[in-house]
């Protein structure tokens, strides 16, 4: 996916000016009433949706004024490409996340797509309250300065474009400013039925 996005961005740079994408009208939104809620328990929801294997990424942001020596980051399995024109990606984050406010204040982030051998790195970024970057090799992503973790399959450097609510999560849309892929043949880190593959 990242390699396809790189090819697309390069083709756009070389292509003549094109008409902008037509903006569609916003759909009519309304709240779901209590009497409309489906009788699906959280455990059953998690069990069934756990059958869908996902890739795993670490979303990072640069250090901020409130934490000047420590960048922010968290493990994320809900990342997706969203749009080619303009190039947008999205990730979902829990509304109770303590890392998200730091990313929001930074206004930028980098998605680091993990390789199959980076399960321990992912576990380190899944904990709360620890120094997640201790012993982790990284450099600064070119557009945002967010940590670009060493050994990942791909990185996508973004500016926050929009944030939407989605139940107990937020849907964060990022405009892609720069990206790259390792070009190697290593497999991605996958999460399926509560464990890494």
N, C-alpha and C. Protein backbone atom coordinates (compact mmCIF):
# COMPACT_ATOMS: atom_id res chain seq x y z
N UNK A 1 0.82 -1.18 0.00
CA UNK A 1 0.00 0.00 0.00
C UNK A 1 0.87 1.26 0.00
N UNK A 2 1.89 1.28 0.86
CA UNK A 2 2.76 2.46 0.92
C UNK A 2 3.51 2.64 -0.40
N UNK A 3 3.97 1.53 -0.99
CA UNK A 3 4.69 1.62 -2.26
C UNK A 3 3.78 2.17 -3.36
N UNK A 4 2.51 1.75 -3.35
CA UNK A 4 1.56 2.26 -4.34
C UNK A 4 1.33 3.75 -4.14
N UNK A 5 1.27 4.19 -2.89
CA UNK A 5 1.09 5.61 -2.62
C UNK A 5 2.29 6.42 -3.08
N UNK A 6 3.51 5.87 -2.89
CA UNK A 6 4.72 6.55 -3.36
C UNK A 6 4.68 6.71 -4.87
N UNK A 7 4.32 5.63 -5.58
CA UNK A 7 4.22 5.69 -7.04
C UNK A 7 3.20 6.74 -7.46
N UNK A 8 2.06 6.77 -6.77
CA UNK A 8 1.03 7.75 -7.10
C UNK A 8 1.53 9.17 -6.91
N UNK A 9 2.16 9.44 -5.77
CA UNK A 9 2.64 10.80 -5.50
C UNK A 9 3.67 11.23 -6.54
N UNK A 10 4.53 10.32 -6.95
CA UNK A 10 5.52 10.65 -7.98
C UNK A 10 4.83 10.94 -9.31
N UNK A 11 3.77 10.19 -9.63
CA UNK A 11 3.07 10.42 -10.90
C UNK A 11 2.34 11.75 -10.87
N UNK A 12 1.83 12.15 -9.71
CA UNK A 12 1.13 13.42 -9.58
C UNK A 12 2.11 14.58 -9.78
N UNK A 13 3.33 14.44 -9.22
CA UNK A 13 4.33 15.49 -9.38
C UNK A 13 4.69 15.70 -10.85
N UNK A 14 4.69 14.60 -11.62
CA UNK A 14 5.09 14.68 -13.03
C UNK A 14 3.91 15.01 -13.95
N UNK A 15 2.68 14.85 -13.44
CA UNK A 15 1.50 15.04 -14.28
C UNK A 15 1.14 16.52 -14.39
N UNK A 16 0.47 16.90 -15.49
CA UNK A 16 0.01 18.28 -15.62
C UNK A 16 -1.07 18.57 -14.57
N UNK A 17 -1.33 19.85 -14.37
CA UNK A 17 -2.34 20.28 -13.39
C UNK A 17 -3.69 19.66 -13.72
N UNK A 18 -4.36 19.10 -12.71
CA UNK A 18 -5.65 18.46 -12.92
C UNK A 18 -6.73 19.22 -12.17
N UNK A 19 -7.96 18.96 -12.58
CA UNK A 19 -9.10 19.56 -11.89
C UNK A 19 -9.17 19.01 -10.47
N UNK A 20 -9.53 19.86 -9.49
CA UNK A 20 -9.66 19.35 -8.12
C UNK A 20 -10.83 18.38 -8.01
N UNK A 21 -10.75 17.53 -6.99
CA UNK A 21 -11.82 16.57 -6.74
C UNK A 21 -13.06 17.33 -6.27
N UNK A 22 -14.22 16.97 -6.81
CA UNK A 22 -15.46 17.63 -6.42
C UNK A 22 -15.81 17.25 -4.98
N UNK A 23 -16.12 18.26 -4.18
CA UNK A 23 -16.50 18.03 -2.80
C UNK A 23 -17.98 17.66 -2.77
N UNK A 24 -18.29 16.52 -2.18
CA UNK A 24 -19.67 16.06 -2.09
C UNK A 24 -20.34 16.69 -0.88
N UNK A 25 -21.66 16.86 -0.91
CA UNK A 25 -22.35 17.41 0.26
C UNK A 25 -22.23 16.46 1.44
N UNK A 26 -22.20 17.05 2.65
CA UNK A 26 -22.11 16.23 3.86
C UNK A 26 -23.39 15.44 4.03
N UNK A 27 -23.30 14.17 4.44
CA UNK A 27 -24.52 13.40 4.68
C UNK A 27 -25.24 13.93 5.92
N UNK A 28 -26.53 13.72 5.97
CA UNK A 28 -27.29 14.13 7.15
C UNK A 28 -26.96 13.16 8.28
N UNK A 29 -26.53 13.69 9.41
CA UNK A 29 -26.14 12.86 10.54
C UNK A 29 -27.15 13.01 11.66
N UNK A 30 -27.34 11.96 12.41
CA UNK A 30 -28.20 12.02 13.59
C UNK A 30 -27.68 11.03 14.61
N UNK A 31 -28.05 11.23 15.86
CA UNK A 31 -27.64 10.33 16.93
C UNK A 31 -28.48 9.06 16.88
N UNK A 32 -27.87 7.95 17.30
CA UNK A 32 -28.59 6.69 17.40
C UNK A 32 -29.30 6.67 18.75
N UNK A 33 -30.59 6.43 18.74
CA UNK A 33 -31.37 6.38 19.97
C UNK A 33 -31.10 5.10 20.74
N UNK A 34 -31.34 5.14 22.05
CA UNK A 34 -31.12 3.95 22.89
C UNK A 34 -31.93 2.76 22.40
N UNK A 35 -33.15 3.04 21.92
CA UNK A 35 -34.01 1.95 21.46
C UNK A 35 -33.56 1.38 20.12
N UNK A 36 -32.59 2.02 19.47
CA UNK A 36 -32.09 1.55 18.17
C UNK A 36 -30.79 0.77 18.30
N UNK A 37 -30.21 0.75 19.46
CA UNK A 37 -28.91 0.10 19.62
C UNK A 37 -29.03 -1.41 19.41
N UNK A 38 -28.09 -1.95 18.64
CA UNK A 38 -28.10 -3.39 18.38
C UNK A 38 -27.68 -4.13 19.65
N UNK A 39 -28.28 -5.27 19.92
CA UNK A 39 -27.95 -6.03 21.13
C UNK A 39 -26.66 -6.84 20.96
N UNK A 40 -25.54 -6.14 20.80
CA UNK A 40 -24.25 -6.80 20.62
C UNK A 40 -23.35 -6.43 21.79
N UNK A 41 -22.92 -7.41 22.54
CA UNK A 41 -22.04 -7.17 23.67
C UNK A 41 -20.61 -6.89 23.21
N UNK A 42 -19.86 -6.17 24.05
CA UNK A 42 -18.48 -5.82 23.69
C UNK A 42 -17.60 -7.05 23.49
N UNK A 43 -17.76 -8.06 24.33
CA UNK A 43 -16.92 -9.27 24.21
C UNK A 43 -17.19 -9.98 22.89
N UNK A 44 -18.46 -10.09 22.52
CA UNK A 44 -18.81 -10.76 21.25
C UNK A 44 -18.33 -9.93 20.07
N UNK A 45 -18.49 -8.62 20.17
CA UNK A 45 -18.02 -7.71 19.12
C UNK A 45 -16.52 -7.91 18.91
N UNK A 46 -15.75 -7.91 19.99
CA UNK A 46 -14.30 -8.08 19.90
C UNK A 46 -13.93 -9.46 19.36
N UNK A 47 -14.65 -10.51 19.81
CA UNK A 47 -14.35 -11.87 19.36
C UNK A 47 -14.54 -12.02 17.86
N UNK A 48 -15.67 -11.51 17.36
CA UNK A 48 -15.97 -11.67 15.94
C UNK A 48 -15.05 -10.81 15.08
N UNK A 49 -14.87 -9.55 15.45
CA UNK A 49 -14.02 -8.67 14.64
C UNK A 49 -12.55 -9.04 14.74
N UNK A 50 -12.18 -9.81 15.77
CA UNK A 50 -10.80 -10.29 15.88
C UNK A 50 -10.41 -11.22 14.74
N UNK A 51 -11.41 -11.72 13.99
CA UNK A 51 -11.12 -12.58 12.84
C UNK A 51 -10.56 -11.79 11.66
N UNK A 52 -10.65 -10.45 11.73
CA UNK A 52 -10.11 -9.62 10.66
C UNK A 52 -8.67 -9.26 11.02
N UNK A 53 -7.72 -9.79 10.26
CA UNK A 53 -6.31 -9.52 10.52
C UNK A 53 -5.98 -8.09 10.10
N UNK A 54 -5.22 -7.39 10.92
CA UNK A 54 -4.82 -6.02 10.59
C UNK A 54 -3.32 -5.88 10.66
N UNK A 55 -2.81 -4.91 9.93
CA UNK A 55 -1.43 -4.53 10.09
C UNK A 55 -1.26 -3.77 11.39
N UNK A 56 -0.02 -3.56 11.80
CA UNK A 56 0.25 -2.85 13.04
C UNK A 56 1.23 -1.72 12.75
N UNK A 57 0.96 -0.57 13.35
CA UNK A 57 1.81 0.60 13.17
C UNK A 57 2.04 1.28 14.51
N UNK A 58 3.03 2.15 14.55
CA UNK A 58 3.24 3.03 15.69
C UNK A 58 3.08 4.45 15.17
N UNK A 59 2.16 5.18 15.78
CA UNK A 59 1.95 6.58 15.42
C UNK A 59 2.78 7.43 16.38
N UNK A 60 3.61 8.32 15.83
CA UNK A 60 4.49 9.14 16.66
C UNK A 60 4.28 10.62 16.36
N UNK A 61 4.70 11.45 17.31
CA UNK A 61 4.68 12.90 17.14
C UNK A 61 5.90 13.47 17.85
N UNK A 62 6.37 14.65 17.43
CA UNK A 62 7.56 15.22 18.05
C UNK A 62 7.28 15.69 19.48
N UNK A 63 8.36 15.90 20.22
CA UNK A 63 8.25 16.45 21.57
C UNK A 63 7.54 17.80 21.51
N UNK A 64 6.86 18.16 22.59
CA UNK A 64 6.11 19.42 22.62
C UNK A 64 6.54 20.24 23.83
N UNK A 65 5.96 21.42 23.95
CA UNK A 65 6.32 22.34 25.05
C UNK A 65 6.03 21.71 26.40
N UNK A 66 4.96 20.91 26.51
CA UNK A 66 4.62 20.30 27.80
C UNK A 66 5.50 19.09 28.12
N UNK A 67 6.16 18.53 27.14
CA UNK A 67 7.10 17.41 27.34
C UNK A 67 8.25 17.61 26.35
N UNK A 68 9.15 18.58 26.62
CA UNK A 68 10.14 18.99 25.62
C UNK A 68 11.21 17.96 25.28
N UNK A 69 11.39 16.94 26.11
CA UNK A 69 12.45 15.97 25.85
C UNK A 69 11.92 14.60 25.44
N UNK A 70 10.60 14.45 25.38
CA UNK A 70 10.03 13.15 25.10
C UNK A 70 9.02 13.23 23.97
N UNK A 71 9.28 12.56 22.85
CA UNK A 71 8.26 12.50 21.80
C UNK A 71 7.08 11.65 22.26
N UNK A 72 6.00 11.68 21.50
CA UNK A 72 4.80 10.90 21.81
C UNK A 72 4.68 9.75 20.82
N UNK A 73 4.05 8.67 21.26
CA UNK A 73 3.82 7.55 20.35
C UNK A 73 2.93 6.50 20.97
N UNK A 74 2.18 5.80 20.13
CA UNK A 74 1.35 4.68 20.60
C UNK A 74 1.20 3.65 19.49
N UNK A 75 0.98 2.39 19.90
CA UNK A 75 0.74 1.30 18.96
C UNK A 75 -0.68 1.42 18.42
N UNK A 76 -0.82 1.16 17.12
CA UNK A 76 -2.11 1.37 16.46
C UNK A 76 -2.35 0.25 15.44
N UNK A 77 -3.50 -0.40 15.54
CA UNK A 77 -3.85 -1.41 14.53
C UNK A 77 -5.00 -0.95 13.66
N UNK A 78 -5.46 0.28 13.88
CA UNK A 78 -6.58 0.80 13.08
C UNK A 78 -6.11 1.95 12.20
N UNK A 79 -5.21 1.63 11.29
CA UNK A 79 -4.67 2.60 10.35
C UNK A 79 -5.09 2.21 8.95
N UNK A 80 -5.36 3.19 8.09
CA UNK A 80 -5.80 2.88 6.74
C UNK A 80 -5.47 4.02 5.78
N UNK A 81 -5.21 3.68 4.53
CA UNK A 81 -5.18 4.68 3.47
C UNK A 81 -6.62 5.15 3.29
N UNK A 82 -6.81 6.43 2.99
CA UNK A 82 -8.16 6.97 2.89
C UNK A 82 -8.46 7.54 1.51
N UNK A 83 -7.52 8.33 0.96
CA UNK A 83 -7.78 9.02 -0.31
C UNK A 83 -6.49 9.16 -1.09
N UNK A 84 -6.59 9.01 -2.41
CA UNK A 84 -5.42 9.25 -3.27
C UNK A 84 -5.32 10.71 -3.68
N UNK A 85 -6.45 11.37 -3.86
CA UNK A 85 -6.44 12.74 -4.36
C UNK A 85 -7.45 13.59 -3.59
N UNK A 86 -7.02 14.29 -2.53
CA UNK A 86 -5.64 14.45 -2.08
C UNK A 86 -5.19 13.23 -1.29
N UNK A 87 -3.87 13.05 -1.10
CA UNK A 87 -3.39 11.89 -0.36
C UNK A 87 -3.70 12.03 1.13
N UNK A 88 -4.61 11.17 1.62
CA UNK A 88 -5.02 11.19 3.01
C UNK A 88 -4.94 9.80 3.60
N UNK A 89 -4.62 9.72 4.88
CA UNK A 89 -4.66 8.47 5.63
C UNK A 89 -5.51 8.72 6.87
N UNK A 90 -5.85 7.64 7.57
CA UNK A 90 -6.64 7.78 8.79
C UNK A 90 -6.20 6.74 9.81
N UNK A 91 -6.32 7.12 11.08
CA UNK A 91 -6.16 6.15 12.15
C UNK A 91 -7.20 6.45 13.21
N UNK A 92 -7.51 5.44 14.01
CA UNK A 92 -8.48 5.60 15.08
C UNK A 92 -7.75 5.48 16.42
N UNK A 93 -8.14 6.32 17.37
CA UNK A 93 -7.51 6.32 18.69
C UNK A 93 -8.61 6.45 19.74
N UNK A 94 -8.45 5.72 20.84
CA UNK A 94 -9.43 5.79 21.93
C UNK A 94 -9.51 7.19 22.51
N UNK A 95 -10.73 7.62 22.85
CA UNK A 95 -10.92 8.96 23.38
C UNK A 95 -10.27 9.12 24.74
N UNK A 96 -9.96 8.03 25.43
CA UNK A 96 -9.31 8.11 26.74
C UNK A 96 -7.79 8.03 26.63
N UNK A 97 -7.25 7.96 25.44
CA UNK A 97 -5.80 7.87 25.25
C UNK A 97 -5.10 9.06 25.88
N UNK A 98 -4.01 8.80 26.62
CA UNK A 98 -3.23 9.89 27.19
C UNK A 98 -2.19 10.41 26.19
N UNK A 99 -1.92 9.64 25.14
CA UNK A 99 -0.96 10.06 24.12
C UNK A 99 -1.61 10.97 23.08
N UNK A 100 -2.87 10.71 22.76
CA UNK A 100 -3.54 11.48 21.71
C UNK A 100 -3.49 12.99 21.94
N UNK A 101 -3.75 13.52 23.14
CA UNK A 101 -3.69 14.98 23.29
C UNK A 101 -2.34 15.58 22.91
N UNK A 102 -1.26 14.85 23.14
CA UNK A 102 0.07 15.34 22.76
C UNK A 102 0.23 15.37 21.25
N UNK A 103 -0.31 14.35 20.57
CA UNK A 103 -0.26 14.35 19.10
C UNK A 103 -1.13 15.47 18.55
N UNK A 104 -2.30 15.65 19.14
CA UNK A 104 -3.20 16.72 18.69
C UNK A 104 -2.54 18.08 18.84
N UNK A 105 -1.87 18.32 19.96
CA UNK A 105 -1.20 19.61 20.16
C UNK A 105 -0.08 19.81 19.15
N UNK A 106 0.62 18.73 18.80
CA UNK A 106 1.70 18.84 17.81
C UNK A 106 1.14 19.18 16.43
N UNK A 107 -0.05 18.66 16.12
CA UNK A 107 -0.68 18.93 14.83
C UNK A 107 -0.11 18.11 13.68
N UNK A 108 0.85 17.25 13.99
CA UNK A 108 1.51 16.43 12.98
C UNK A 108 1.75 15.04 13.57
N UNK A 109 2.00 14.07 12.69
CA UNK A 109 2.32 12.73 13.16
C UNK A 109 3.00 11.95 12.05
N UNK A 110 3.65 10.84 12.44
CA UNK A 110 4.25 9.92 11.48
C UNK A 110 3.74 8.52 11.80
N UNK A 111 3.24 7.83 10.80
CA UNK A 111 2.81 6.44 10.96
C UNK A 111 3.98 5.55 10.55
N UNK A 112 4.42 4.69 11.46
CA UNK A 112 5.51 3.76 11.22
C UNK A 112 4.94 2.36 11.07
N UNK A 113 4.97 1.80 9.87
CA UNK A 113 4.39 0.48 9.59
C UNK A 113 5.40 -0.58 10.02
N UNK A 114 5.03 -1.41 11.00
CA UNK A 114 5.96 -2.35 11.60
C UNK A 114 6.16 -3.61 10.77
N UNK A 115 7.37 -4.15 10.86
CA UNK A 115 7.70 -5.40 10.18
C UNK A 115 7.45 -6.57 11.12
N UNK A 116 7.44 -7.78 10.58
CA UNK A 116 7.10 -8.98 11.33
C UNK A 116 7.98 -9.17 12.56
N UNK A 117 9.21 -8.70 12.53
CA UNK A 117 10.12 -8.90 13.66
C UNK A 117 10.03 -7.81 14.72
N UNK A 118 9.04 -6.94 14.65
CA UNK A 118 8.97 -5.81 15.58
C UNK A 118 7.83 -5.92 16.60
N UNK A 119 7.49 -7.16 16.97
CA UNK A 119 6.44 -7.37 17.96
C UNK A 119 6.78 -6.76 19.31
N UNK A 120 8.03 -6.90 19.75
CA UNK A 120 8.43 -6.33 21.05
C UNK A 120 8.38 -4.82 21.02
N UNK A 121 8.79 -4.22 19.91
CA UNK A 121 8.70 -2.78 19.76
C UNK A 121 7.24 -2.34 19.90
N UNK A 122 6.33 -3.05 19.26
CA UNK A 122 4.91 -2.74 19.35
C UNK A 122 4.43 -2.83 20.79
N UNK A 123 4.82 -3.89 21.50
CA UNK A 123 4.40 -4.04 22.89
C UNK A 123 4.89 -2.87 23.74
N UNK A 124 6.08 -2.38 23.46
CA UNK A 124 6.61 -1.25 24.20
C UNK A 124 5.79 0.01 24.01
N UNK A 125 5.23 0.19 22.82
CA UNK A 125 4.42 1.37 22.54
C UNK A 125 2.96 1.17 22.93
N UNK A 126 2.59 -0.05 23.35
CA UNK A 126 1.21 -0.33 23.76
C UNK A 126 0.99 -0.07 25.24
N UNK A 127 2.06 0.14 26.02
CA UNK A 127 1.92 0.37 27.45
C UNK A 127 1.71 1.85 27.72
N UNK A 128 1.14 2.14 28.87
CA UNK A 128 0.89 3.53 29.25
C UNK A 128 1.81 3.91 30.41
N UNK A 129 2.32 5.12 30.36
CA UNK A 129 3.10 5.64 31.47
C UNK A 129 4.59 5.38 31.42
N UNK A 130 5.06 4.54 30.54
CA UNK A 130 6.49 4.23 30.46
C UNK A 130 7.17 5.16 29.46
N UNK A 131 8.52 5.19 29.49
CA UNK A 131 9.28 5.91 28.46
C UNK A 131 9.33 5.00 27.24
N UNK A 132 8.42 5.20 26.33
CA UNK A 132 8.28 4.31 25.18
C UNK A 132 9.46 4.38 24.23
N UNK A 133 10.22 5.45 24.26
CA UNK A 133 11.32 5.62 23.32
C UNK A 133 12.68 5.19 23.88
N UNK A 134 12.70 4.69 25.12
CA UNK A 134 13.96 4.25 25.72
C UNK A 134 14.56 3.12 24.90
N UNK A 135 15.77 3.31 24.41
CA UNK A 135 16.46 2.29 23.64
C UNK A 135 15.94 2.10 22.23
N UNK A 136 15.04 2.95 21.77
CA UNK A 136 14.46 2.82 20.42
C UNK A 136 15.20 3.74 19.46
N UNK A 137 15.71 3.17 18.38
CA UNK A 137 16.43 3.96 17.37
C UNK A 137 15.42 4.65 16.45
N UNK A 138 15.64 5.95 16.23
CA UNK A 138 14.77 6.69 15.31
C UNK A 138 15.48 7.95 14.86
N UNK A 139 14.98 8.51 13.76
CA UNK A 139 15.42 9.83 13.32
C UNK A 139 14.18 10.67 13.09
N UNK A 140 14.35 11.90 12.63
CA UNK A 140 13.22 12.80 12.44
C UNK A 140 12.65 12.66 11.03
N UNK A 141 11.34 12.48 10.94
CA UNK A 141 10.67 12.45 9.64
C UNK A 141 10.85 13.83 8.98
N UNK A 142 10.99 13.87 7.65
CA UNK A 142 11.40 15.11 6.98
C UNK A 142 10.43 16.28 7.06
N UNK A 143 9.14 16.04 7.07
CA UNK A 143 8.19 17.15 7.07
C UNK A 143 7.79 17.58 8.48
N UNK A 144 7.51 16.63 9.35
CA UNK A 144 6.96 16.95 10.67
C UNK A 144 7.98 16.93 11.79
N UNK A 145 9.09 16.24 11.59
CA UNK A 145 10.05 16.06 12.68
C UNK A 145 9.63 14.98 13.66
N UNK A 146 8.54 14.28 13.38
CA UNK A 146 8.08 13.18 14.24
C UNK A 146 9.07 12.03 14.17
N UNK A 147 9.18 11.22 15.23
CA UNK A 147 10.08 10.07 15.18
C UNK A 147 9.74 9.10 14.06
N UNK A 148 10.75 8.79 13.27
CA UNK A 148 10.65 7.79 12.21
C UNK A 148 11.47 6.61 12.71
N UNK A 149 10.79 5.55 13.11
CA UNK A 149 11.44 4.42 13.78
C UNK A 149 12.30 3.60 12.82
N UNK A 150 13.43 3.15 13.31
CA UNK A 150 14.35 2.35 12.50
C UNK A 150 13.77 0.96 12.25
N UNK A 151 14.02 0.42 11.06
CA UNK A 151 13.65 -0.95 10.74
C UNK A 151 12.21 -1.18 10.35
N UNK A 152 11.44 -0.12 10.16
CA UNK A 152 10.04 -0.31 9.78
C UNK A 152 9.93 -0.55 8.27
N UNK A 153 8.79 -1.06 7.87
CA UNK A 153 8.56 -1.33 6.45
C UNK A 153 8.29 -0.05 5.67
N UNK A 154 7.60 0.89 6.32
CA UNK A 154 7.22 2.14 5.65
C UNK A 154 6.95 3.20 6.70
N UNK A 155 6.98 4.45 6.27
CA UNK A 155 6.64 5.58 7.13
C UNK A 155 5.83 6.57 6.32
N UNK A 156 4.86 7.20 6.99
CA UNK A 156 3.98 8.16 6.35
C UNK A 156 3.95 9.39 7.25
N UNK A 157 4.47 10.51 6.77
CA UNK A 157 4.62 11.74 7.54
C UNK A 157 3.44 12.66 7.21
N UNK A 158 2.70 13.10 8.23
CA UNK A 158 1.42 13.76 8.00
C UNK A 158 1.19 15.00 8.85
N UNK A 159 0.28 15.83 8.37
CA UNK A 159 -0.29 16.93 9.13
C UNK A 159 -1.74 16.56 9.42
N UNK A 160 -2.22 16.83 10.64
CA UNK A 160 -3.61 16.52 10.96
C UNK A 160 -4.52 17.36 10.08
N UNK A 161 -5.41 16.68 9.37
CA UNK A 161 -6.32 17.31 8.42
C UNK A 161 -7.72 17.50 9.02
N UNK A 162 -8.18 16.48 9.77
CA UNK A 162 -9.51 16.53 10.39
C UNK A 162 -9.58 15.48 11.48
N UNK A 163 -10.48 15.70 12.44
CA UNK A 163 -10.73 14.73 13.51
C UNK A 163 -12.25 14.60 13.64
N UNK A 164 -12.72 13.36 13.63
CA UNK A 164 -14.16 13.09 13.73
C UNK A 164 -14.40 12.16 14.92
N UNK A 165 -15.57 12.24 15.50
CA UNK A 165 -15.92 11.32 16.58
C UNK A 165 -16.49 10.04 16.00
N UNK A 166 -16.22 8.95 16.70
CA UNK A 166 -16.73 7.65 16.30
C UNK A 166 -16.93 6.79 17.54
N UNK A 167 -18.02 7.01 18.26
CA UNK A 167 -18.26 6.24 19.49
C UNK A 167 -17.21 6.55 20.53
N UNK A 168 -16.56 5.51 21.06
CA UNK A 168 -15.54 5.72 22.09
C UNK A 168 -14.16 5.99 21.50
N UNK A 169 -14.09 6.21 20.19
CA UNK A 169 -12.83 6.52 19.51
C UNK A 169 -12.93 7.83 18.73
N UNK A 170 -11.79 8.33 18.32
CA UNK A 170 -11.70 9.46 17.41
C UNK A 170 -11.13 8.96 16.09
N UNK A 171 -11.60 9.51 15.00
CA UNK A 171 -11.10 9.17 13.67
C UNK A 171 -10.23 10.35 13.23
N UNK A 172 -8.94 10.11 13.14
CA UNK A 172 -7.99 11.17 12.82
C UNK A 172 -7.58 11.03 11.35
N UNK A 173 -7.80 12.07 10.58
CA UNK A 173 -7.44 12.08 9.16
C UNK A 173 -6.18 12.92 9.00
N UNK A 174 -5.19 12.36 8.32
CA UNK A 174 -3.94 13.07 8.10
C UNK A 174 -3.68 13.32 6.64
N UNK A 175 -3.19 14.53 6.32
CA UNK A 175 -2.75 14.85 4.95
C UNK A 175 -1.30 14.40 4.83
N UNK A 176 -1.00 13.60 3.84
CA UNK A 176 0.34 13.04 3.67
C UNK A 176 1.25 14.10 3.08
N UNK A 177 2.34 14.40 3.80
CA UNK A 177 3.33 15.38 3.35
C UNK A 177 4.58 14.72 2.78
N UNK A 178 4.91 13.53 3.27
CA UNK A 178 6.08 12.77 2.79
C UNK A 178 5.88 11.32 3.20
N UNK A 179 6.52 10.41 2.49
CA UNK A 179 6.41 9.00 2.83
C UNK A 179 7.52 8.22 2.17
N UNK A 180 7.74 7.01 2.64
CA UNK A 180 8.76 6.16 2.05
C UNK A 180 8.61 4.73 2.53
N UNK A 181 9.25 3.82 1.81
CA UNK A 181 9.21 2.40 2.15
C UNK A 181 10.62 1.85 2.12
N UNK A 182 10.84 0.79 2.91
CA UNK A 182 12.19 0.21 3.02
C UNK A 182 12.62 -0.46 1.72
N UNK A 183 11.67 -0.96 0.96
CA UNK A 183 12.01 -1.63 -0.30
C UNK A 183 12.44 -3.07 -0.11
N UNK A 184 12.46 -3.55 1.13
CA UNK A 184 12.85 -4.94 1.39
C UNK A 184 11.69 -5.90 1.21
N UNK A 185 11.97 -7.19 1.41
CA UNK A 185 10.97 -8.23 1.24
C UNK A 185 10.40 -8.73 2.56
N UNK A 186 10.71 -8.06 3.67
CA UNK A 186 10.24 -8.53 4.97
C UNK A 186 8.72 -8.41 5.07
N UNK A 187 8.12 -9.37 5.76
CA UNK A 187 6.66 -9.39 5.94
C UNK A 187 6.24 -8.35 6.97
N UNK A 188 4.99 -7.92 6.92
CA UNK A 188 4.48 -6.97 7.92
C UNK A 188 4.12 -7.69 9.22
N UNK A 189 4.07 -6.92 10.30
CA UNK A 189 3.56 -7.42 11.57
C UNK A 189 2.03 -7.40 11.48
N UNK A 190 1.40 -8.54 11.74
CA UNK A 190 -0.05 -8.64 11.68
C UNK A 190 -0.62 -8.98 13.04
N UNK A 191 -1.83 -8.53 13.30
CA UNK A 191 -2.54 -8.81 14.55
C UNK A 191 -3.82 -9.54 14.20
N UNK A 192 -4.02 -10.72 14.83
CA UNK A 192 -5.18 -11.55 14.50
C UNK A 192 -5.59 -12.34 15.73
N UNK A 193 -6.87 -12.25 16.10
CA UNK A 193 -7.41 -12.96 17.25
C UNK A 193 -6.59 -12.75 18.51
N UNK A 194 -6.19 -11.49 18.74
CA UNK A 194 -5.51 -11.14 19.97
C UNK A 194 -4.05 -11.45 20.04
N UNK A 195 -3.43 -11.82 18.91
CA UNK A 195 -2.00 -12.10 18.95
C UNK A 195 -1.34 -11.69 17.64
N UNK A 196 -0.01 -11.55 17.69
CA UNK A 196 0.74 -11.19 16.51
C UNK A 196 0.98 -12.42 15.65
N UNK A 197 0.99 -12.21 14.35
CA UNK A 197 1.32 -13.29 13.38
C UNK A 197 2.65 -12.98 12.73
